[in-house]
Amino acid sequence: MKHPKIKDAGNVFVVTVNDAFVTKAWAENLDPDGSTGFRFIGDPACTFTKALDLDFDGTAIFGNERGKRYALLVEDGKVKEAFVEPDNTGIDVSAAEKVLG
């Protein structure tokens, strides 16, 4: 959230496989004053996430399907590059430092 290049990133959307209440809690925790301009979007039925083939079966741990941790670089409405965590939930390849350089 505080990466020096984040202001040059354009629109940033945070997608959660959660309902609106949990998504709002994430937004309030990660961006309490709303200063980042990030948009937090809930995908409670995992519809968007499944369409991107970025879902995984997390029922054993989380009780339902979940979204992999990822970052997408989108230009002109097309995915230019995808940064998808190989273990689904870690934070390495999708970290801001890797995505923004």
PDB file of N, CA and C in Angstrom:
ATOM      1  N   MET A   1       0.812  -1.185   0.000  1.00  0.00           N
ATOM      2  CA  MET A   1       0.000   0.000   0.000  1.00  0.00           C
ATOM      3  C   MET A   1       0.863   1.258   0.000  1.00  0.00           C
ATOM      4  N   LYS A   2       2.070   1.136   0.496  1.00  0.00           N
ATOM      5  CA  LYS A   2       2.926   2.317   0.591  1.00  0.00           C
ATOM      6  C   LYS A   2       4.115   2.241  -0.360  1.00  0.00           C
ATOM      7  N   HIS A   3       4.036   1.407  -1.387  1.00  0.00           N
ATOM      8  CA  HIS A   3       5.117   1.291  -2.360  1.00  0.00           C
ATOM      9  C   HIS A   3       5.304   2.633  -3.061  1.00  0.00           C
ATOM     10  N   PRO A   4       6.554   3.068  -3.278  1.00  0.00           N
ATOM     11  CA  PRO A   4       6.777   4.383  -3.885  1.00  0.00           C
ATOM     12  C   PRO A   4       6.189   4.538  -5.295  1.00  0.00           C
ATOM     13  N   LYS A   5       5.986   3.453  -6.011  1.00  0.00           N
ATOM     14  CA  LYS A   5       5.456   3.536  -7.376  1.00  0.00           C
ATOM     15  C   LYS A   5       3.941   3.341  -7.446  1.00  0.00           C
ATOM     16  N   ILE A   6       3.281   3.188  -6.306  1.00  0.00           N
ATOM     17  CA  ILE A   6       1.847   2.876  -6.310  1.00  0.00           C
ATOM     18  C   ILE A   6       1.025   4.000  -6.933  1.00  0.00           C
ATOM     19  N   LYS A   7       1.449   5.239  -6.767  1.00  0.00           N
ATOM     20  CA  LYS A   7       0.700   6.368  -7.334  1.00  0.00           C
ATOM     21  C   LYS A   7       0.701   6.326  -8.861  1.00  0.00           C
ATOM     22  N   ASP A   8       1.726   5.704  -9.458  1.00  0.00           N
ATOM     23  CA  ASP A   8       1.829   5.600 -10.917  1.00  0.00           C
ATOM     24  C   ASP A   8       1.174   4.335 -11.460  1.00  0.00           C
ATOM     25  N   ALA A   9       0.600   3.528 -10.587  1.00  0.00           N
ATOM     26  CA  ALA A   9       0.055   2.227 -10.998  1.00  0.00           C
ATOM     27  C   ALA A   9      -1.280   2.339 -11.721  1.00  0.00           C
ATOM     28  N   GLY A  10      -1.931   3.476 -11.642  1.00  0.00           N
ATOM     29  CA  GLY A  10      -3.260   3.604 -12.242  1.00  0.00           C
ATOM     30  C   GLY A  10      -4.312   3.101 -11.277  1.00  0.00           C
ATOM     31  N   ASN A  11      -5.384   2.553 -11.804  1.00  0.00           N
ATOM     32  CA  ASN A  11      -6.457   2.026 -10.962  1.00  0.00           C
ATOM     33  C   ASN A  11      -6.028   0.722 -10.311  1.00  0.00           C
ATOM     34  N   VAL A  12      -6.258   0.616  -9.019  1.00  0.00           N
ATOM     35  CA  VAL A  12      -5.934  -0.605  -8.280  1.00  0.00           C
ATOM     36  C   VAL A  12      -7.227  -1.141  -7.679  1.00  0.00           C
ATOM     37  N   PHE A  13      -7.527  -2.400  -7.993  1.00  0.00           N
ATOM     38  CA  PHE A  13      -8.721  -3.063  -7.481  1.00  0.00           C
ATOM     39  C   PHE A  13      -8.289  -4.245  -6.625  1.00  0.00           C
ATOM     40  N   VAL A  14      -8.854  -4.355  -5.452  1.00  0.00           N
ATOM     41  CA  VAL A  14      -8.596  -5.477  -4.558  1.00  0.00           C
ATOM     42  C   VAL A  14      -9.854  -6.336  -4.571  1.00  0.00           C
ATOM     43  N   VAL A  15      -9.718  -7.568  -5.067  1.00  0.00           N
ATOM     44  CA  VAL A  15     -10.860  -8.483  -5.170  1.00  0.00           C
ATOM     45  C   VAL A  15     -10.751  -9.511  -4.055  1.00  0.00           C
ATOM     46  N   THR A  16     -11.831  -9.654  -3.293  1.00  0.00           N
ATOM     47  CA  THR A  16     -11.865 -10.650  -2.230  1.00  0.00           C
ATOM     48  C   THR A  16     -12.991 -11.644  -2.502  1.00  0.00           C
ATOM     49  N   VAL A  17     -12.766 -12.887  -2.164  1.00  0.00           N
ATOM     50  CA  VAL A  17     -13.837 -13.890  -2.251  1.00  0.00           C
ATOM     51  C   VAL A  17     -14.543 -13.876  -0.893  1.00  0.00           C
ATOM     52  N   ASN A  18     -15.219 -12.762  -0.662  1.00  0.00           N
ATOM     53  CA  ASN A  18     -15.930 -12.519   0.597  1.00  0.00           C
ATOM     54  C   ASN A  18     -17.183 -11.707   0.307  1.00  0.00           C
ATOM     55  N   ASP A  19     -18.076 -11.665   1.292  1.00  0.00           N
ATOM     56  CA  ASP A  19     -19.269 -10.832   1.148  1.00  0.00           C
ATOM     57  C   ASP A  19     -18.902  -9.359   1.354  1.00  0.00           C
ATOM     58  N   ALA A  20     -19.875  -8.488   1.147  1.00  0.00           N
ATOM     59  CA  ALA A  20     -19.640  -7.044   1.227  1.00  0.00           C
ATOM     60  C   ALA A  20     -19.167  -6.601   2.609  1.00  0.00           C
ATOM     61  N   PHE A  21     -19.630  -7.260   3.660  1.00  0.00           N
ATOM     62  CA  PHE A  21     -19.263  -6.864   5.019  1.00  0.00           C
ATOM     63  C   PHE A  21     -17.795  -7.175   5.314  1.00  0.00           C
ATOM     64  N   VAL A  22     -17.346  -8.352   4.907  1.00  0.00           N
ATOM     65  CA  VAL A  22     -15.944  -8.728   5.114  1.00  0.00           C
ATOM     66  C   VAL A  22     -15.046  -7.874   4.222  1.00  0.00           C
ATOM     67  N   THR A  23     -15.478  -7.642   2.988  1.00  0.00           N
ATOM     68  CA  THR A  23     -14.698  -6.809   2.072  1.00  0.00           C
ATOM     69  C   THR A  23     -14.555  -5.394   2.633  1.00  0.00           C
ATOM     70  N   LYS A  24     -15.614  -4.863   3.206  1.00  0.00           N
ATOM     71  CA  LYS A  24     -15.561  -3.531   3.828  1.00  0.00           C
ATOM     72  C   LYS A  24     -14.579  -3.527   4.996  1.00  0.00           C
ATOM     73  N   ALA A  25     -14.572  -4.600   5.772  1.00  0.00           N
ATOM     74  CA  ALA A  25     -13.635  -4.700   6.896  1.00  0.00           C
ATOM     75  C   ALA A  25     -12.190  -4.716   6.395  1.00  0.00           C
ATOM     76  N   TRP A  26     -11.934  -5.438   5.297  1.00  0.00           N
ATOM     77  CA  TRP A  26     -10.594  -5.435   4.697  1.00  0.00           C
ATOM     78  C   TRP A  26     -10.203  -4.018   4.294  1.00  0.00           C
ATOM     79  N   ALA A  27     -11.120  -3.318   3.635  1.00  0.00           N
ATOM     80  CA  ALA A  27     -10.843  -1.953   3.186  1.00  0.00           C
ATOM     81  C   ALA A  27     -10.542  -1.038   4.370  1.00  0.00           C
ATOM     82  N   GLU A  28     -11.333  -1.143   5.421  1.00  0.00           N
ATOM     83  CA  GLU A  28     -11.129  -0.293   6.596  1.00  0.00           C
ATOM     84  C   GLU A  28      -9.824  -0.609   7.310  1.00  0.00           C
ATOM     85  N   ASN A  29      -9.402  -1.871   7.262  1.00  0.00           N
ATOM     86  CA  ASN A  29      -8.154  -2.269   7.901  1.00  0.00           C
ATOM     87  C   ASN A  29      -6.944  -1.853   7.073  1.00  0.00           C
ATOM     88  N   LEU A  30      -7.015  -2.059   5.761  1.00  0.00           N
ATOM     89  CA  LEU A  30      -5.866  -1.802   4.894  1.00  0.00           C
ATOM     90  C   LEU A  30      -5.744  -0.346   4.456  1.00  0.00           C
ATOM     91  N   ASP A  31      -6.862   0.353   4.389  1.00  0.00           N
ATOM     92  CA  ASP A  31      -6.861   1.737   3.910  1.00  0.00           C
ATOM     93  C   ASP A  31      -7.851   2.554   4.739  1.00  0.00           C
ATOM     94  N   PRO A  32      -7.576   2.702   6.042  1.00  0.00           N
ATOM     95  CA  PRO A  32      -8.559   3.283   6.953  1.00  0.00           C
ATOM     96  C   PRO A  32      -9.035   4.685   6.584  1.00  0.00           C
ATOM     97  N   ASP A  33      -8.174   5.493   5.996  1.00  0.00           N
ATOM     98  CA  ASP A  33      -8.597   6.850   5.648  1.00  0.00           C
ATOM     99  C   ASP A  33      -8.963   6.994   4.173  1.00  0.00           C
ATOM    100  N   GLY A  34      -8.914   5.886   3.422  1.00  0.00           N
ATOM    101  CA  GLY A  34      -9.295   5.910   2.013  1.00  0.00           C
ATOM    102  C   GLY A  34      -8.343   6.694   1.128  1.00  0.00           C
ATOM    103  N   SER A  35      -7.133   6.906   1.590  1.00  0.00           N
ATOM    104  CA  SER A  35      -6.190   7.757   0.864  1.00  0.00           C
ATOM    105  C   SER A  35      -5.531   7.089  -0.341  1.00  0.00           C
ATOM    106  N   THR A  36      -5.570   5.769  -0.423  1.00  0.00           N
ATOM    107  CA  THR A  36      -4.881   5.098  -1.531  1.00  0.00           C
ATOM    108  C   THR A  36      -5.638   5.190  -2.843  1.00  0.00           C
ATOM    109  N   GLY A  37      -6.954   5.327  -2.772  1.00  0.00           N
ATOM    110  CA  GLY A  37      -7.757   5.307  -3.994  1.00  0.00           C
ATOM    111  C   GLY A  37      -8.046   3.897  -4.471  1.00  0.00           C
ATOM    112  N   PHE A  38      -7.596   2.892  -3.715  1.00  0.00           N
ATOM    113  CA  PHE A  38      -7.863   1.501  -4.081  1.00  0.00           C
ATOM    114  C   PHE A  38      -9.362   1.250  -4.024  1.00  0.00           C
ATOM    115  N   ARG A  39      -9.844   0.391  -4.905  1.00  0.00           N
ATOM    116  CA  ARG A  39     -11.244  -0.032  -4.883  1.00  0.00           C
ATOM    117  C   ARG A  39     -11.278  -1.467  -4.379  1.00  0.00           C
ATOM    118  N   PHE A  40     -12.082  -1.730  -3.378  1.00  0.00           N
ATOM    119  CA  PHE A  40     -12.225  -3.064  -2.803  1.00  0.00           C
ATOM    120  C   PHE A  40     -13.536  -3.655  -3.304  1.00  0.00           C
ATOM    121  N   ILE A  41     -13.443  -4.836  -3.921  1.00  0.00           N
ATOM    122  CA  ILE A  41     -14.603  -5.453  -4.556  1.00  0.00           C
ATOM    123  C   ILE A  41     -14.784  -6.869  -4.020  1.00  0.00           C
ATOM    124  N   GLY A  42     -15.979  -7.165  -3.542  1.00  0.00           N
ATOM    125  CA  GLY A  42     -16.298  -8.508  -3.063  1.00  0.00           C
ATOM    126  C   GLY A  42     -16.773  -9.396  -4.205  1.00  0.00           C
ATOM    127  N   ASP A  43     -16.343 -10.628  -4.181  1.00  0.00           N
ATOM    128  CA  ASP A  43     -16.744 -11.652  -5.153  1.00  0.00           C
ATOM    129  C   ASP A  43     -17.261 -12.851  -4.353  1.00  0.00           C
ATOM    130  N   PRO A  44     -18.387 -12.684  -3.634  1.00  0.00           N
ATOM    131  CA  PRO A  44     -18.820 -13.696  -2.667  1.00  0.00           C
ATOM    132  C   PRO A  44     -19.116 -15.067  -3.252  1.00  0.00           C
ATOM    133  N   ALA A  45     -19.552 -15.146  -4.491  1.00  0.00           N
ATOM    134  CA  ALA A  45     -19.831 -16.446  -5.107  1.00  0.00           C
ATOM    135  C   ALA A  45     -18.633 -16.964  -5.898  1.00  0.00           C
ATOM    136  N   CYS A  46     -17.529 -16.231  -5.861  1.00  0.00           N
ATOM    137  CA  CYS A  46     -16.295 -16.628  -6.547  1.00  0.00           C
ATOM    138  C   CYS A  46     -16.471 -16.628  -8.075  1.00  0.00           C
ATOM    139  N   THR A  47     -17.460 -15.912  -8.573  1.00  0.00           N
ATOM    140  CA  THR A  47     -17.778 -15.917 -10.003  1.00  0.00           C
ATOM    141  C   THR A  47     -16.670 -15.291 -10.840  1.00  0.00           C
ATOM    142  N   PHE A  48     -16.253 -14.091 -10.483  1.00  0.00           N
ATOM    143  CA  PHE A  48     -15.187 -13.398 -11.208  1.00  0.00           C
ATOM    144  C   PHE A  48     -13.892 -14.198 -11.123  1.00  0.00           C
ATOM    145  N   THR A  49     -13.590 -14.654  -9.922  1.00  0.00           N
ATOM    146  CA  THR A  49     -12.360 -15.403  -9.677  1.00  0.00           C
ATOM    147  C   THR A  49     -12.327 -16.698 -10.483  1.00  0.00           C
ATOM    148  N   LYS A  50     -13.447 -17.407 -10.538  1.00  0.00           N
ATOM    149  CA  LYS A  50     -13.520 -18.639 -11.335  1.00  0.00           C
ATOM    150  C   LYS A  50     -13.359 -18.339 -12.821  1.00  0.00           C
ATOM    151  N   ALA A  51     -13.935 -17.238 -13.284  1.00  0.00           N
ATOM    152  CA  ALA A  51     -13.823 -16.869 -14.697  1.00  0.00           C
ATOM    153  C   ALA A  51     -12.368 -16.637 -15.094  1.00  0.00           C
ATOM    154  N   LEU A  52     -11.559 -16.204 -14.146  1.00  0.00           N
ATOM    155  CA  LEU A  52     -10.132 -16.004 -14.390  1.00  0.00           C
ATOM    156  C   LEU A  52      -9.318 -17.269 -14.130  1.00  0.00           C
ATOM    157  N   ASP A  53      -9.987 -18.334 -13.690  1.00  0.00           N
ATOM    158  CA  ASP A  53      -9.330 -19.591 -13.318  1.00  0.00           C
ATOM    159  C   ASP A  53      -8.307 -19.361 -12.204  1.00  0.00           C
ATOM    160  N   LEU A  54      -8.692 -18.522 -11.245  1.00  0.00           N
ATOM    161  CA  LEU A  54      -7.818 -18.205 -10.123  1.00  0.00           C
ATOM    162  C   LEU A  54      -8.426 -18.625  -8.790  1.00  0.00           C
ATOM    163  N   ASP A  55      -9.293 -19.638  -8.839  1.00  0.00           N
ATOM    164  CA  ASP A  55      -9.905 -20.165  -7.621  1.00  0.00           C
ATOM    165  C   ASP A  55      -9.204 -21.447  -7.200  1.00  0.00           C
ATOM    166  N   PHE A  56      -9.388 -21.817  -5.948  1.00  0.00           N
ATOM    167  CA  PHE A  56      -8.907 -23.112  -5.466  1.00  0.00           C
ATOM    168  C   PHE A  56      -9.847 -23.600  -4.376  1.00  0.00           C
ATOM    169  N   ASP A  57      -9.840 -24.898  -4.161  1.00  0.00           N
ATOM    170  CA  ASP A  57     -10.715 -25.504  -3.162  1.00  0.00           C
ATOM    171  C   ASP A  57     -10.088 -25.332  -1.783  1.00  0.00           C
ATOM    172  N   GLY A  58     -10.636 -24.414  -1.023  1.00  0.00           N
ATOM    173  CA  GLY A  58     -10.125 -24.164   0.317  1.00  0.00           C
ATOM    174  C   GLY A  58     -11.063 -24.645   1.405  1.00  0.00           C
ATOM    175  N   THR A  59     -11.975 -25.558   1.050  1.00  0.00           N
ATOM    176  CA  THR A  59     -12.991 -25.985   2.014  1.00  0.00           C
ATOM    177  C   THR A  59     -12.401 -26.619   3.267  1.00  0.00           C
ATOM    178  N   ALA A  60     -11.311 -27.338   3.144  1.00  0.00           N
ATOM    179  CA  ALA A  60     -10.728 -27.998   4.314  1.00  0.00           C
ATOM    180  C   ALA A  60     -10.265 -26.984   5.363  1.00  0.00           C
ATOM    181  N   ILE A  61      -9.810 -25.823   4.922  1.00  0.00           N
ATOM    182  CA  ILE A  61      -9.284 -24.819   5.844  1.00  0.00           C
ATOM    183  C   ILE A  61     -10.250 -23.650   6.025  1.00  0.00           C
ATOM    184  N   PHE A  62     -10.794 -23.152   4.904  1.00  0.00           N
ATOM    185  CA  PHE A  62     -11.605 -21.932   4.930  1.00  0.00           C
ATOM    186  C   PHE A  62     -13.107 -22.183   4.849  1.00  0.00           C
ATOM    187  N   GLY A  63     -13.510 -23.405   4.526  1.00  0.00           N
ATOM    188  CA  GLY A  63     -14.927 -23.738   4.468  1.00  0.00           C
ATOM    189  C   GLY A  63     -15.588 -23.539   3.120  1.00  0.00           C
ATOM    190  N   ASN A  64     -14.852 -23.009   2.158  1.00  0.00           N
ATOM    191  CA  ASN A  64     -15.418 -22.804   0.826  1.00  0.00           C
ATOM    192  C   ASN A  64     -14.311 -22.585  -0.202  1.00  0.00           C
ATOM    193  N   GLU A  65     -14.729 -22.340  -1.435  1.00  0.00           N
ATOM    194  CA  GLU A  65     -13.754 -22.027  -2.474  1.00  0.00           C
ATOM    195  C   GLU A  65     -13.149 -20.665  -2.179  1.00  0.00           C
ATOM    196  N   ARG A  66     -11.920 -20.492  -2.560  1.00  0.00           N
ATOM    197  CA  ARG A  66     -11.208 -19.245  -2.296  1.00  0.00           C
ATOM    198  C   ARG A  66     -10.519 -18.776  -3.571  1.00  0.00           C
ATOM    199  N   GLY A  67     -10.026 -17.571  -3.520  1.00  0.00           N
ATOM    200  CA  GLY A  67      -9.252 -17.042  -4.629  1.00  0.00           C
ATOM    201  C   GLY A  67      -7.771 -17.153  -4.322  1.00  0.00           C
ATOM    202  N   LYS A  68      -7.012 -17.514  -5.343  1.00  0.00           N
ATOM    203  CA  LYS A  68      -5.563 -17.510  -5.179  1.00  0.00           C
ATOM    204  C   LYS A  68      -5.111 -16.069  -4.955  1.00  0.00           C
ATOM    205  N   ARG A  69      -3.956 -15.899  -4.334  1.00  0.00           N
ATOM    206  CA  ARG A  69      -3.391 -14.557  -4.204  1.00  0.00           C
ATOM    207  C   ARG A  69      -2.698 -14.248  -5.528  1.00  0.00           C
ATOM    208  N   TYR A  70      -3.060 -13.103  -6.098  1.00  0.00           N
ATOM    209  CA  TYR A  70      -2.523 -12.753  -7.410  1.00  0.00           C
ATOM    210  C   TYR A  70      -2.559 -11.244  -7.616  1.00  0.00           C
ATOM    211  N   ALA A  71      -1.826 -10.810  -8.613  1.00  0.00           N
ATOM    212  CA  ALA A  71      -1.904  -9.433  -9.102  1.00  0.00           C
ATOM    213  C   ALA A  71      -1.933  -9.523 -10.614  1.00  0.00           C
ATOM    214  N   LEU A  72      -2.792  -8.740 -11.226  1.00  0.00           N
ATOM    215  CA  LEU A  72      -2.879  -8.695 -12.681  1.00  0.00           C
ATOM    216  C   LEU A  72      -2.489  -7.307 -13.152  1.00  0.00           C
ATOM    217  N   LEU A  73      -1.650  -7.258 -14.154  1.00  0.00           N
ATOM    218  CA  LEU A  73      -1.312  -6.002 -14.805  1.00  0.00           C
ATOM    219  C   LEU A  73      -2.188  -5.927 -16.050  1.00  0.00           C
ATOM    220  N   VAL A  74      -3.105  -4.975 -16.069  1.00  0.00           N
ATOM    221  CA  VAL A  74      -4.076  -4.860 -17.153  1.00  0.00           C
ATOM    222  C   VAL A  74      -3.846  -3.548 -17.891  1.00  0.00           C
ATOM    223  N   GLU A  75      -3.737  -3.641 -19.206  1.00  0.00           N
ATOM    224  CA  GLU A  75      -3.596  -2.451 -20.046  1.00  0.00           C
ATOM    225  C   GLU A  75      -4.615  -2.522 -21.163  1.00  0.00           C
ATOM    226  N   ASP A  76      -5.337  -1.445 -21.364  1.00  0.00           N
ATOM    227  CA  ASP A  76      -6.365  -1.370 -22.406  1.00  0.00           C
ATOM    228  C   ASP A  76      -7.354  -2.528 -22.319  1.00  0.00           C
ATOM    229  N   GLY A  77      -7.703  -2.919 -21.092  1.00  0.00           N
ATOM    230  CA  GLY A  77      -8.692  -3.968 -20.880  1.00  0.00           C
ATOM    231  C   GLY A  77      -8.192  -5.382 -21.102  1.00  0.00           C
ATOM    232  N   LYS A  78      -6.895  -5.549 -21.309  1.00  0.00           N
ATOM    233  CA  LYS A  78      -6.324  -6.883 -21.529  1.00  0.00           C
ATOM    234  C   LYS A  78      -5.261  -7.170 -20.479  1.00  0.00           C
ATOM    235  N   VAL A  79      -5.243  -8.419 -20.018  1.00  0.00           N
ATOM    236  CA  VAL A  79      -4.234  -8.822 -19.035  1.00  0.00           C
ATOM    237  C   VAL A  79      -2.890  -8.894 -19.745  1.00  0.00           C
ATOM    238  N   LYS A  80      -1.983  -8.025 -19.338  1.00  0.00           N
ATOM    239  CA  LYS A  80      -0.638  -7.999 -19.913  1.00  0.00           C
ATOM    240  C   LYS A  80       0.276  -8.989 -19.199  1.00  0.00           C
ATOM    241  N   GLU A  81       0.098  -9.086 -17.868  1.00  0.00           N
ATOM    242  CA  GLU A  81       0.919 -10.010 -17.082  1.00  0.00           C
ATOM    243  C   GLU A  81       0.154 -10.435 -15.836  1.00  0.00           C
ATOM    244  N   ALA A  82       0.319 -11.705 -15.462  1.00  0.00           N
ATOM    245  CA  ALA A  82      -0.317 -12.252 -14.261  1.00  0.00           C
ATOM    246  C   ALA A  82       0.772 -12.697 -13.290  1.00  0.00           C
ATOM    247  N   PHE A  83       0.611 -12.313 -12.049  1.00  0.00           N
ATOM    248  CA  PHE A  83       1.533 -12.678 -10.981  1.00  0.00           C
ATOM    249  C   PHE A  83       0.734 -13.525  -9.994  1.00  0.00           C
ATOM    250  N   VAL A  84       0.812 -14.843 -10.129  1.00  0.00           N
ATOM    251  CA  VAL A  84      -0.016 -15.762  -9.341  1.00  0.00           C
ATOM    252  C   VAL A  84       0.878 -16.551  -8.389  1.00  0.00           C
ATOM    253  N   GLU A  85       0.502 -16.551  -7.123  1.00  0.00           N
ATOM    254  CA  GLU A  85       1.281 -17.280  -6.123  1.00  0.00           C
ATOM    255  C   GLU A  85       1.192 -18.782  -6.373  1.00  0.00           C
ATOM    256  N   PRO A  86       2.320 -19.470  -6.478  1.00  0.00           N
ATOM    257  CA  PRO A  86       2.308 -20.909  -6.765  1.00  0.00           C
ATOM    258  C   PRO A  86       1.667 -21.755  -5.668  1.00  0.00           C
ATOM    259  N   ASP A  87       1.684 -21.264  -4.420  1.00  0.00           N
ATOM    260  CA  ASP A  87       1.075 -22.028  -3.324  1.00  0.00           C
ATOM    261  C   ASP A  87      -0.320 -21.499  -2.976  1.00  0.00           C
ATOM    262  N   ASN A  88      -0.860 -20.630  -3.819  1.00  0.00           N
ATOM    263  CA  ASN A  88      -2.199 -20.036  -3.703  1.00  0.00           C
ATOM    264  C   ASN A  88      -2.316 -18.897  -2.707  1.00  0.00           C
ATOM    265  N   THR A  89      -1.618 -18.946  -1.590  1.00  0.00           N
ATOM    266  CA  THR A  89      -1.878 -17.977  -0.524  1.00  0.00           C
ATOM    267  C   THR A  89      -0.662 -17.185  -0.055  1.00  0.00           C
ATOM    268  N   GLY A  90       0.522 -17.565  -0.469  1.00  0.00           N
ATOM    269  CA  GLY A  90       1.721 -16.857  -0.022  1.00  0.00           C
ATOM    270  C   GLY A  90       1.798 -15.465  -0.618  1.00  0.00           C
ATOM    271  N   ILE A  91       2.828 -14.749  -0.256  1.00  0.00           N
ATOM    272  CA  ILE A  91       3.030 -13.436  -0.865  1.00  0.00           C
ATOM    273  C   ILE A  91       4.490 -13.309  -1.263  1.00  0.00           C
ATOM    274  N   ASP A  92       4.733 -13.644  -2.514  1.00  0.00           N
ATOM    275  CA  ASP A  92       6.068 -13.549  -3.086  1.00  0.00           C
ATOM    276  C   ASP A  92       5.957 -12.931  -4.474  1.00  0.00           C
ATOM    277  N   VAL A  93       5.504 -13.700  -5.446  1.00  0.00           N
ATOM    278  CA  VAL A  93       5.448 -13.203  -6.826  1.00  0.00           C
ATOM    279  C   VAL A  93       4.407 -12.104  -7.018  1.00  0.00           C
ATOM    280  N   SER A  94       3.413 -12.021  -6.139  1.00  0.00           N
ATOM    281  CA  SER A  94       2.373 -10.995  -6.274  1.00  0.00           C
ATOM    282  C   SER A  94       2.630  -9.767  -5.400  1.00  0.00           C
ATOM    283  N   ALA A  95       3.759  -9.732  -4.726  1.00  0.00           N
ATOM    284  CA  ALA A  95       4.095  -8.591  -3.869  1.00  0.00           C
ATOM    285  C   ALA A  95       4.304  -7.341  -4.720  1.00  0.00           C
ATOM    286  N   ALA A  96       3.991  -6.194  -4.155  1.00  0.00           N
ATOM    287  CA  ALA A  96       4.117  -4.924  -4.881  1.00  0.00           C
ATOM    288  C   ALA A  96       5.514  -4.735  -5.460  1.00  0.00           C
ATOM    289  N   GLU A  97       6.533  -5.132  -4.722  1.00  0.00           N
ATOM    290  CA  GLU A  97       7.907  -4.975  -5.193  1.00  0.00           C
ATOM    291  C   GLU A  97       8.146  -5.727  -6.497  1.00  0.00           C
ATOM    292  N   LYS A  98       7.510  -6.900  -6.640  1.00  0.00           N
ATOM    293  CA  LYS A  98       7.682  -7.706  -7.851  1.00  0.00           C
ATOM    294  C   LYS A  98       6.826  -7.168  -8.999  1.00  0.00           C
ATOM    295  N   VAL A  99       5.641  -6.704  -8.672  1.00  0.00           N
ATOM    296  CA  VAL A  99       4.707  -6.246  -9.700  1.00  0.00           C
ATOM    297  C   VAL A  99       5.092  -4.859 -10.217  1.00  0.00           C
ATOM    298  N   LEU A 100       5.441  -3.963  -9.313  1.00  0.00           N
ATOM    299  CA  LEU A 100       5.728  -2.583  -9.696  1.00  0.00           C
ATOM    300  C   LEU A 100       7.201  -2.311  -9.965  1.00  0.00           C
ATOM    301  N   GLY A 101       8.051  -3.244  -9.541  1.00  0.00           N
ATOM    302  CA  GLY A 101       9.478  -3.086  -9.779  1.00  0.00           C
ATOM    303  C   GLY A 101      10.191  -2.250  -8.756  1.00  0.00           C
TER     304      GLY A 101
END
